[in-house]
PDB file of N, CA and C in Angstrom:
ATOM      1  N   MET A   1     239.139 146.940 -86.199  1.00  0.00           N
ATOM      2  CA  MET A   1     239.956 148.342 -85.581  1.00  0.00           C
ATOM      3  C   MET A   1     241.558 148.192 -85.766  1.00  0.00           C
ATOM      4  N   LEU A   2     241.915 146.822 -85.144  1.00  0.00           N
ATOM      5  CA  LEU A   2     243.164 146.571 -85.262  1.00  0.00           C
ATOM      6  C   LEU A   2     243.798 146.283 -86.545  1.00  0.00           C
ATOM      7  N   THR A   3     243.162 145.814 -87.335  1.00  0.00           N
ATOM      8  CA  THR A   3     243.777 146.023 -88.883  1.00  0.00           C
ATOM      9  C   THR A   3     244.077 147.565 -89.338  1.00  0.00           C
ATOM     10  N   ARG A   4     242.952 148.353 -88.793  1.00  0.00           N
ATOM     11  CA  ARG A   4     243.335 149.795 -89.324  1.00  0.00           C
ATOM     12  C   ARG A   4     244.227 150.248 -88.555  1.00  0.00           C
ATOM     13  N   PHE A   5     244.635 149.934 -87.401  1.00  0.00           N
ATOM     14  CA  PHE A   5     245.765 150.548 -86.823  1.00  0.00           C
ATOM     15  C   PHE A   5     247.133 149.961 -87.195  1.00  0.00           C
ATOM     16  N   PHE A   6     247.278 148.640 -87.456  1.00  0.00           N
ATOM     17  CA  PHE A   6     248.373 147.984 -88.054  1.00  0.00           C
ATOM     18  C   PHE A   6     248.780 148.506 -89.716  1.00  0.00           C
ATOM     19  N   ARG A   7     247.743 148.767 -90.143  1.00  0.00           N
ATOM     20  CA  ARG A   7     247.860 149.582 -91.621  1.00  0.00           C
ATOM     21  C   ARG A   7     248.453 150.523 -91.175  1.00  0.00           C
ATOM     22  N   PHE A   8     248.155 151.411 -90.468  1.00  0.00           N
ATOM     23  CA  PHE A   8     248.711 152.858 -90.092  1.00  0.00           C
ATOM     24  C   PHE A   8     250.074 152.855 -89.995  1.00  0.00           C
ATOM     25  N   LEU A   9     250.415 152.085 -89.103  1.00  0.00           N
ATOM     26  CA  LEU A   9     251.837 151.642 -88.700  1.00  0.00           C
ATOM     27  C   LEU A   9     252.792 151.078 -89.868  1.00  0.00           C
ATOM     28  N   ASP A  10     252.137 150.515 -91.106  1.00  0.00           N
ATOM     29  CA  ASP A  10     253.015 150.083 -92.017  1.00  0.00           C
ATOM     30  C   ASP A  10     253.876 151.138 -92.817  1.00  0.00           C
ATOM     31  N   PRO A  11     255.418 150.614 -92.693  1.00  0.00           N
ATOM     32  CA  PRO A  11     256.226 151.651 -92.948  1.00  0.00           C
ATOM     33  C   PRO A  11     256.203 152.072 -94.443  1.00  0.00           C
ATOM     34  N   THR A  12     255.176 151.221 -95.445  1.00  0.00           N
ATOM     35  CA  THR A  12     255.241 151.757 -96.677  1.00  0.00           C
ATOM     36  C   THR A  12     254.143 152.704 -96.801  1.00  0.00           C
ATOM     37  N   LEU A  13     253.300 152.699 -95.625  1.00  0.00           N
ATOM     38  CA  LEU A  13     252.219 153.684 -95.842  1.00  0.00           C
ATOM     39  C   LEU A  13     252.370 155.160 -94.996  1.00  0.00           C
ATOM     40  N   ILE A  14     253.644 155.109 -94.154  1.00  0.00           N
ATOM     41  CA  ILE A  14     253.779 156.058 -93.532  1.00  0.00           C
ATOM     42  C   ILE A  14     254.442 157.193 -94.409  1.00  0.00           C
ATOM     43  N   SER A  15     254.092 158.152 -93.969  1.00  0.00           N
ATOM     44  CA  SER A  15     254.858 159.275 -94.491  1.00  0.00           C
ATOM     45  C   SER A  15     256.133 159.677 -94.102  1.00  0.00           C
ATOM     46  N   PRO A  16     257.166 159.818 -95.040  1.00  0.00           N
ATOM     47  CA  PRO A  16     258.296 160.080 -94.841  1.00  0.00           C
ATOM     48  C   PRO A  16     258.673 161.101 -93.684  1.00  0.00           C
ATOM     49  N   ASP A  17     258.000 161.906 -93.626  1.00  0.00           N
ATOM     50  CA  ASP A  17     258.427 163.046 -92.588  1.00  0.00           C
ATOM     51  C   ASP A  17     257.663 162.875 -91.294  1.00  0.00           C
ATOM     52  N   LEU A  18     257.059 162.065 -91.178  1.00  0.00           N
ATOM     53  CA  LEU A  18     256.218 161.483 -89.828  1.00  0.00           C
ATOM     54  C   LEU A  18     257.209 161.043 -88.700  1.00  0.00           C
ATOM     55  N   ALA A  19     258.188 159.942 -89.382  1.00  0.00           N
ATOM     56  CA  ALA A  19     259.139 159.583 -88.360  1.00  0.00           C
ATOM     57  C   ALA A  19     260.195 160.841 -87.682  1.00  0.00           C
ATOM     58  N   PRO A  20     260.502 161.454 -88.452  1.00  0.00           N
ATOM     59  CA  PRO A  20     261.458 162.486 -87.788  1.00  0.00           C
ATOM     60  C   PRO A  20     260.453 163.649 -86.623  1.00  0.00           C
ATOM     61  N   ARG A  21     259.183 163.666 -87.225  1.00  0.00           N
ATOM     62  CA  ARG A  21     258.371 164.533 -86.617  1.00  0.00           C
ATOM     63  C   ARG A  21     258.012 163.734 -85.090  1.00  0.00           C
ATOM     64  N   LEU A  22     258.182 162.542 -85.075  1.00  0.00           N
ATOM     65  CA  LEU A  22     257.471 161.794 -83.984  1.00  0.00           C
ATOM     66  C   LEU A  22     258.756 161.929 -83.158  1.00  0.00           C
ATOM     67  N   ARG A  23     260.155 161.542 -83.652  1.00  0.00           N
ATOM     68  CA  ARG A  23     261.134 161.673 -82.613  1.00  0.00           C
ATOM     69  C   ARG A  23     261.499 163.096 -82.204  1.00  0.00           C
ATOM     70  N   ARG A  24     261.109 164.074 -82.972  1.00  0.00           N
ATOM     71  CA  ARG A  24     261.377 165.431 -82.456  1.00  0.00           C
ATOM     72  C   ARG A  24     260.281 165.545 -81.367  1.00  0.00           C
ATOM     73  N   LEU A  25     258.990 165.090 -81.394  1.00  0.00           N
ATOM     74  CA  LEU A  25     258.129 165.322 -80.368  1.00  0.00           C
ATOM     75  C   LEU A  25     258.860 164.326 -79.161  1.00  0.00           C
ATOM     76  N   ALA A  26     259.193 163.311 -79.247  1.00  0.00           N
ATOM     77  CA  ALA A  26     259.840 162.558 -78.166  1.00  0.00           C
ATOM     78  C   ALA A  26     261.005 163.201 -77.305  1.00  0.00           C
ATOM     79  N   ASP A  27     262.056 163.571 -78.460  1.00  0.00           N
ATOM     80  CA  ASP A  27     263.049 164.411 -77.827  1.00  0.00           C
ATOM     81  C   ASP A  27     262.490 165.616 -77.006  1.00  0.00           C
ATOM     82  N   ASP A  28     261.232 166.335 -77.356  1.00  0.00           N
ATOM     83  CA  ASP A  28     260.939 167.706 -76.654  1.00  0.00           C
ATOM     84  C   ASP A  28     260.511 166.911 -75.424  1.00  0.00           C
ATOM     85  N   CYS A  29     259.395 165.958 -75.556  1.00  0.00           N
ATOM     86  CA  CYS A  29     258.920 165.516 -74.281  1.00  0.00           C
ATOM     87  C   CYS A  29     260.026 165.059 -73.213  1.00  0.00           C
ATOM     88  N   GLU A  30     261.117 164.541 -73.628  1.00  0.00           N
ATOM     89  CA  GLU A  30     262.054 164.202 -72.782  1.00  0.00           C
ATOM     90  C   GLU A  30     262.834 165.586 -72.076  1.00  0.00           C
ATOM     91  N   GLN A  31     263.434 166.319 -73.171  1.00  0.00           N
ATOM     92  CA  GLN A  31     263.489 167.533 -72.606  1.00  0.00           C
ATOM     93  C   GLN A  31     262.657 168.129 -71.617  1.00  0.00           C
ATOM     94  N   LEU A  32     261.657 168.449 -71.593  1.00  0.00           N
ATOM     95  CA  LEU A  32     260.619 168.926 -70.730  1.00  0.00           C
ATOM     96  C   LEU A  32     260.766 168.047 -69.608  1.00  0.00           C
ATOM     97  N   LYS A  33     260.689 166.877 -69.319  1.00  0.00           N
ATOM     98  CA  LYS A  33     260.715 166.186 -68.269  1.00  0.00           C
ATOM     99  C   LYS A  33     261.868 166.410 -67.408  1.00  0.00           C
ATOM    100  N   ALA A  34     263.178 165.996 -68.430  1.00  0.00           N
ATOM    101  CA  ALA A  34     264.395 166.499 -67.936  1.00  0.00           C
ATOM    102  C   ALA A  34     264.745 167.662 -67.004  1.00  0.00           C
ATOM    103  N   HIS A  35     264.198 168.796 -67.542  1.00  0.00           N
ATOM    104  CA  HIS A  35     264.267 169.846 -66.902  1.00  0.00           C
ATOM    105  C   HIS A  35     262.910 170.149 -65.807  1.00  0.00           C
ATOM    106  N   GLY A  36     262.145 169.180 -65.920  1.00  0.00           N
ATOM    107  CA  GLY A  36     261.093 169.271 -64.937  1.00  0.00           C
ATOM    108  C   GLY A  36     260.028 170.279 -64.884  1.00  0.00           C
ATOM    109  N   ILE A  37     260.166 170.618 -66.235  1.00  0.00           N
ATOM    110  CA  ILE A  37     259.163 171.682 -66.528  1.00  0.00           C
ATOM    111  C   ILE A  37     257.436 170.772 -66.543  1.00  0.00           C
ATOM    112  N   VAL A  38     257.311 169.818 -66.970  1.00  0.00           N
ATOM    113  CA  VAL A  38     256.141 169.285 -66.951  1.00  0.00           C
ATOM    114  C   VAL A  38     256.198 167.686 -66.846  1.00  0.00           C
ATOM    115  N   THR A  39     255.296 167.158 -66.063  1.00  0.00           N
ATOM    116  CA  THR A  39     255.468 165.938 -65.778  1.00  0.00           C
ATOM    117  C   THR A  39     253.877 165.084 -65.692  1.00  0.00           C
ATOM    118  N   PRO A  40     253.494 164.085 -65.790  1.00  0.00           N
ATOM    119  CA  PRO A  40     252.180 163.519 -65.715  1.00  0.00           C
ATOM    120  C   PRO A  40     251.866 163.987 -64.111  1.00  0.00           C
ATOM    121  N   GLN A  41     252.697 163.836 -62.906  1.00  0.00           N
ATOM    122  CA  GLN A  41     252.635 163.966 -61.893  1.00  0.00           C
ATOM    123  C   GLN A  41     252.266 165.203 -61.221  1.00  0.00           C
ATOM    124  N   MET A  42     253.027 166.084 -61.894  1.00  0.00           N
ATOM    125  CA  MET A  42     253.283 167.664 -61.549  1.00  0.00           C
ATOM    126  C   MET A  42     251.701 167.936 -62.194  1.00  0.00           C
ATOM    127  N   LEU A  43     251.169 167.474 -63.254  1.00  0.00           N
ATOM    128  CA  LEU A  43     250.032 168.073 -63.901  1.00  0.00           C
ATOM    129  C   LEU A  43     249.091 167.315 -63.073  1.00  0.00           C
ATOM    130  N   ARG A  44     248.978 166.081 -62.569  1.00  0.00           N
ATOM    131  CA  ARG A  44     248.054 165.766 -61.719  1.00  0.00           C
ATOM    132  C   ARG A  44     247.899 166.439 -60.208  1.00  0.00           C
ATOM    133  N   LYS A  45     248.816 166.689 -59.869  1.00  0.00           N
ATOM    134  CA  LYS A  45     248.825 167.493 -58.492  1.00  0.00           C
ATOM    135  C   LYS A  45     248.387 168.896 -58.793  1.00  0.00           C
ATOM    136  N   ALA A  46     248.793 169.694 -59.861  1.00  0.00           N
ATOM    137  CA  ALA A  46     248.369 170.994 -60.034  1.00  0.00           C
ATOM    138  C   ALA A  46     246.681 170.840 -60.115  1.00  0.00           C
ATOM    139  N   MET A  47     246.289 170.039 -60.953  1.00  0.00           N
ATOM    140  CA  MET A  47     244.931 169.740 -61.011  1.00  0.00           C
ATOM    141  C   MET A  47     244.029 169.423 -59.719  1.00  0.00           C
ATOM    142  N   THR A  48     244.522 168.589 -59.176  1.00  0.00           N
ATOM    143  CA  THR A  48     244.110 167.968 -57.880  1.00  0.00           C
ATOM    144  C   THR A  48     243.573 169.336 -57.009  1.00  0.00           C
ATOM    145  N   ARG A  49     244.913 170.113 -57.053  1.00  0.00           N
ATOM    146  CA  ARG A  49     244.770 171.251 -55.956  1.00  0.00           C
ATOM    147  C   ARG A  49     243.882 172.118 -56.809  1.00  0.00           C
ATOM    148  N   LEU A  50     243.798 172.498 -57.721  1.00  0.00           N
ATOM    149  CA  LEU A  50     242.777 173.364 -58.623  1.00  0.00           C
ATOM    150  C   LEU A  50     241.418 173.082 -58.466  1.00  0.00           C
ATOM    151  N   TRP A  51     241.215 171.718 -58.389  1.00  0.00           N
ATOM    152  CA  TRP A  51     239.986 171.166 -58.234  1.00  0.00           C
ATOM    153  C   TRP A  51     239.263 171.164 -56.795  1.00  0.00           C
ATOM    154  N   ALA A  52     240.402 170.954 -55.753  1.00  0.00           N
ATOM    155  CA  ALA A  52     239.883 171.029 -54.522  1.00  0.00           C
ATOM    156  C   ALA A  52     239.403 172.454 -54.051  1.00  0.00           C
ATOM    157  N   LYS A  53     240.444 173.318 -54.633  1.00  0.00           N
ATOM    158  CA  LYS A  53     239.788 174.731 -54.487  1.00  0.00           C
ATOM    159  C   LYS A  53     238.477 175.070 -54.998  1.00  0.00           C
ATOM    160  N   ARG A  54     238.513 174.635 -56.236  1.00  0.00           N
ATOM    161  CA  ARG A  54     236.972 175.138 -57.016  1.00  0.00           C
ATOM    162  C   ARG A  54     235.806 174.448 -56.089  1.00  0.00           C
ATOM    163  N   GLU A  55     236.114 173.521 -55.786  1.00  0.00           N
ATOM    164  CA  GLU A  55     235.049 172.539 -55.027  1.00  0.00           C
ATOM    165  C   GLU A  55     234.941 173.167 -53.741  1.00  0.00           C
ATOM    166  N   GLU A  56     235.705 173.534 -53.152  1.00  0.00           N
ATOM    167  CA  GLU A  56     235.713 174.404 -51.918  1.00  0.00           C
ATOM    168  C   GLU A  56     234.728 175.651 -52.232  1.00  0.00           C
ATOM    169  N   GLN A  57     235.175 176.573 -53.255  1.00  0.00           N
ATOM    170  CA  GLN A  57     234.319 177.719 -53.804  1.00  0.00           C
ATOM    171  C   GLN A  57     232.982 177.656 -54.259  1.00  0.00           C
ATOM    172  N   LEU A  58     232.953 176.116 -54.580  1.00  0.00           N
ATOM    173  CA  LEU A  58     231.470 175.958 -55.264  1.00  0.00           C
ATOM    174  C   LEU A  58     230.538 175.816 -53.955  1.00  0.00           C
ATOM    175  N   SER A  59     231.041 174.853 -53.148  1.00  0.00           N
ATOM    176  CA  SER A  59     230.443 174.592 -51.945  1.00  0.00           C
ATOM    177  C   SER A  59     229.928 175.910 -51.108  1.00  0.00           C
ATOM    178  N   THR A  60     230.826 176.698 -51.232  1.00  0.00           N
ATOM    179  CA  THR A  60     230.466 177.953 -50.198  1.00  0.00           C
ATOM    180  C   THR A  60     229.394 178.794 -51.115  1.00  0.00           C
ATOM    181  N   VAL A  61     229.354 178.738 -52.253  1.00  0.00           N
ATOM    182  CA  VAL A  61     228.507 179.814 -52.937  1.00  0.00           C
ATOM    183  C   VAL A  61     227.095 178.999 -52.832  1.00  0.00           C
ATOM    184  N   LEU A  62     227.210 177.804 -52.867  1.00  0.00           N
ATOM    185  CA  LEU A  62     225.887 177.062 -52.990  1.00  0.00           C
ATOM    186  C   LEU A  62     225.461 177.205 -51.399  1.00  0.00           C
ATOM    187  N   GLU A  63     226.074 176.867 -50.512  1.00  0.00           N
ATOM    188  CA  GLU A  63     225.601 177.464 -48.789  1.00  0.00           C
ATOM    189  C   GLU A  63     225.001 178.640 -48.663  1.00  0.00           C
ATOM    190  N   THR A  64     225.904 179.892 -49.370  1.00  0.00           N
ATOM    191  CA  THR A  64     225.506 181.084 -49.242  1.00  0.00           C
ATOM    192  C   THR A  64     224.300 181.344 -49.762  1.00  0.00           C
ATOM    193  N   THR A  65     224.075 180.643 -51.446  1.00  0.00           N
ATOM    194  CA  THR A  65     222.813 180.776 -52.037  1.00  0.00           C
ATOM    195  C   THR A  65     221.736 180.263 -51.237  1.00  0.00           C
ATOM    196  N   VAL A  66     221.910 179.202 -50.448  1.00  0.00           N
ATOM    197  CA  VAL A  66     220.680 178.281 -50.060  1.00  0.00           C
ATOM    198  C   VAL A  66     220.108 179.179 -48.516  1.00  0.00           C
ATOM    199  N   GLY A  67     221.210 179.707 -48.134  1.00  0.00           N
ATOM    200  CA  GLY A  67     221.265 180.491 -46.711  1.00  0.00           C
ATOM    201  C   GLY A  67     220.402 182.008 -47.346  1.00  0.00           C
ATOM    202  N   LEU A  68     220.845 182.596 -48.197  1.00  0.00           N
ATOM    203  CA  LEU A  68     219.881 183.758 -48.695  1.00  0.00           C
ATOM    204  C   LEU A  68     218.727 183.741 -49.027  1.00  0.00           C
ATOM    205  N   TYR A  69     218.513 182.494 -49.727  1.00  0.00           N
ATOM    206  CA  TYR A  69     217.147 182.087 -50.155  1.00  0.00           C
ATOM    207  C   TYR A  69     216.190 182.019 -48.944  1.00  0.00           C
ATOM    208  N   GLY A  70     216.754 181.272 -48.318  1.00  0.00           N
ATOM    209  CA  GLY A  70     216.089 180.627 -46.729  1.00  0.00           C
ATOM    210  C   GLY A  70     215.670 182.257 -46.035  1.00  0.00           C
ATOM    211  N   ASP A  71     216.589 182.822 -46.095  1.00  0.00           N
ATOM    212  CA  ASP A  71     216.406 184.363 -45.529  1.00  0.00           C
ATOM    213  C   ASP A  71     215.346 185.194 -46.087  1.00  0.00           C
ATOM    214  N   LEU A  72     215.263 185.304 -47.164  1.00  0.00           N
ATOM    215  CA  LEU A  72     214.610 185.933 -48.095  1.00  0.00           C
ATOM    216  C   LEU A  72     212.811 185.155 -48.066  1.00  0.00           C
ATOM    217  N   GLN A  73     212.774 183.731 -48.020  1.00  0.00           N
ATOM    218  CA  GLN A  73     211.536 183.019 -47.719  1.00  0.00           C
ATOM    219  C   GLN A  73     210.911 183.605 -45.928  1.00  0.00           C
ATOM    220  N   GLY A  74     211.901 183.710 -45.081  1.00  0.00           N
ATOM    221  CA  GLY A  74     211.260 183.801 -43.925  1.00  0.00           C
ATOM    222  C   GLY A  74     211.074 185.392 -43.949  1.00  0.00           C
ATOM    223  N   ILE A  75     211.268 186.422 -44.612  1.00  0.00           N
ATOM    224  CA  ILE A  75     210.981 187.848 -44.545  1.00  0.00           C
ATOM    225  C   ILE A  75     209.917 187.910 -45.551  1.00  0.00           C
ATOM    226  N   ALA A  76     209.470 187.384 -46.704  1.00  0.00           N
ATOM    227  CA  ALA A  76     208.644 187.282 -47.703  1.00  0.00           C
ATOM    228  C   ALA A  76     207.579 186.400 -47.509  1.00  0.00           C
ATOM    229  N   GLY A  77     207.963 185.326 -46.595  1.00  0.00           N
ATOM    230  CA  GLY A  77     206.978 184.537 -46.245  1.00  0.00           C
ATOM    231  C   GLY A  77     206.049 183.898 -47.677  1.00  0.00           C
ATOM    232  N   ARG A  78     204.768 183.812 -47.844  1.00  0.00           N
ATOM    233  CA  ARG A  78     204.242 183.208 -49.025  1.00  0.00           C
ATOM    234  C   ARG A  78     204.347 183.999 -50.045  1.00  0.00           C
ATOM    235  N   ALA A  79     204.745 185.172 -50.060  1.00  0.00           N
ATOM    236  CA  ALA A  79     204.980 186.258 -51.063  1.00  0.00           C
ATOM    237  C   ALA A  79     205.960 185.745 -51.881  1.00  0.00           C
ATOM    238  N   MET A  80     207.302 185.205 -51.463  1.00  0.00           N
ATOM    239  CA  MET A  80     208.480 184.248 -52.037  1.00  0.00           C
ATOM    240  C   MET A  80     208.223 183.300 -52.539  1.00  0.00           C
ATOM    241  N   PRO A  81     208.229 183.282 -54.188  1.00  0.00           N
ATOM    242  CA  PRO A  81     208.008 181.837 -54.740  1.00  0.00           C
ATOM    243  C   PRO A  81     208.972 181.048 -54.790  1.00  0.00           C
ATOM    244  N   GLU A  82     208.504 179.694 -54.417  1.00  0.00           N
ATOM    245  CA  GLU A  82     209.216 178.819 -54.318  1.00  0.00           C
ATOM    246  C   GLU A  82     210.218 178.316 -55.364  1.00  0.00           C
ATOM    247  N   ILE A  83     211.332 177.801 -55.239  1.00  0.00           N
ATOM    248  CA  ILE A  83     212.249 177.368 -56.122  1.00  0.00           C
ATOM    249  C   ILE A  83     212.900 176.154 -55.795  1.00  0.00           C
ATOM    250  N   GLU A  84     212.140 175.188 -56.441  1.00  0.00           N
ATOM    251  CA  GLU A  84     212.371 173.764 -56.298  1.00  0.00           C
ATOM    252  C   GLU A  84     213.869 173.486 -55.921  1.00  0.00           C
ATOM    253  N   SER A  85     214.549 173.975 -56.991  1.00  0.00           N
ATOM    254  CA  SER A  85     216.308 173.654 -57.038  1.00  0.00           C
ATOM    255  C   SER A  85     216.555 174.054 -55.916  1.00  0.00           C
ATOM    256  N   LEU A  86     216.393 175.124 -55.318  1.00  0.00           N
ATOM    257  CA  LEU A  86     216.887 175.732 -53.975  1.00  0.00           C
ATOM    258  C   LEU A  86     216.614 174.850 -52.953  1.00  0.00           C
ATOM    259  N   ASP A  87     215.191 174.411 -52.909  1.00  0.00           N
ATOM    260  CA  ASP A  87     214.725 173.773 -51.876  1.00  0.00           C
ATOM    261  C   ASP A  87     215.778 172.336 -51.699  1.00  0.00           C
ATOM    262  N   VAL A  88     216.001 171.511 -52.746  1.00  0.00           N
ATOM    263  CA  VAL A  88     216.555 170.585 -52.928  1.00  0.00           C
ATOM    264  C   VAL A  88     218.275 170.694 -52.260  1.00  0.00           C
ATOM    265  N   LEU A  89     218.442 171.965 -52.765  1.00  0.00           N
ATOM    266  CA  LEU A  89     219.934 172.269 -52.473  1.00  0.00           C
ATOM    267  C   LEU A  89     220.142 172.573 -50.860  1.00  0.00           C
ATOM    268  N   ALA A  90     218.881 173.102 -50.296  1.00  0.00           N
ATOM    269  CA  ALA A  90     218.848 173.120 -49.054  1.00  0.00           C
ATOM    270  C   ALA A  90     218.913 171.749 -48.128  1.00  0.00           C
ATOM    271  N   ILE A  91     218.293 170.808 -48.573  1.00  0.00           N
ATOM    272  CA  ILE A  91     218.350 169.803 -47.928  1.00  0.00           C
ATOM    273  C   ILE A  91     219.632 168.780 -48.392  1.00  0.00           C
ATOM    274  N   SER A  92     220.333 168.897 -49.463  1.00  0.00           N
ATOM    275  CA  SER A  92     221.398 168.204 -49.392  1.00  0.00           C
ATOM    276  C   SER A  92     222.765 168.831 -48.744  1.00  0.00           C
ATOM    277  N   THR A  93     222.600 170.336 -48.659  1.00  0.00           N
ATOM    278  CA  THR A  93     223.821 170.913 -47.820  1.00  0.00           C
ATOM    279  C   THR A  93     223.582 170.640 -46.503  1.00  0.00           C
ATOM    280  N   SER A  94     222.274 170.432 -46.074  1.00  0.00           N
ATOM    281  CA  SER A  94     222.115 170.501 -44.673  1.00  0.00           C
ATOM    282  C   SER A  94     222.608 169.027 -44.075  1.00  0.00           C
ATOM    283  N   SER A  95     222.430 167.892 -44.978  1.00  0.00           N
ATOM    284  CA  SER A  95     222.618 166.647 -44.822  1.00  0.00           C
ATOM    285  C   SER A  95     224.277 166.169 -44.963  1.00  0.00           C
ATOM    286  N   GLU A  96     224.761 167.200 -45.407  1.00  0.00           N
ATOM    287  CA  GLU A  96     226.344 167.304 -45.449  1.00  0.00           C
ATOM    288  C   GLU A  96     227.052 167.032 -44.180  1.00  0.00           C
ATOM    289  N   PRO A  97     228.157 166.430 -43.710  1.00  0.00           N
ATOM    290  CA  PRO A  97     228.690 166.717 -42.740  1.00  0.00           C
ATOM    291  C   PRO A  97     229.490 168.246 -42.723  1.00  0.00           C
ATOM    292  N   SER A  98     229.458 168.908 -41.459  1.00  0.00           N
ATOM    293  CA  SER A  98     229.937 170.296 -41.853  1.00  0.00           C
ATOM    294  C   SER A  98     231.639 169.946 -41.577  1.00  0.00           C
ATOM    295  N   SER A  99     232.617 170.775 -42.321  1.00  0.00           N
ATOM    296  CA  SER A  99     233.982 170.809 -42.049  1.00  0.00           C
ATOM    297  C   SER A  99     234.201 171.661 -41.096  1.00  0.00           C
ATOM    298  N   ALA A 100     233.621 172.491 -40.342  1.00  0.00           N
ATOM    299  CA  ALA A 100     233.966 173.249 -39.445  1.00  0.00           C
ATOM    300  C   ALA A 100     233.899 172.544 -38.059  1.00  0.00           C
TER     301      ALA A 100
END
């Protein structure tokens, strides 16, 4: 594996336009960073914020779905077919600590 990598870096094997392209890429990245447009830290914070929002939305949807399923079971009784995955969700969501 390393042999292939070092062969890739061999200047005699590299396309003559690769170095300028890589230099342009590095320059563009530096410009973005200098202008504060995109940094890894900014991306990490944005993705963490989005993930937390989606996680909360998903949790709410699951709790609502399980609650609705339970209500329908209460109304329909045995006529309501059991949905095992919702039963498992009901157990798992009831065992999680409430954030309220």
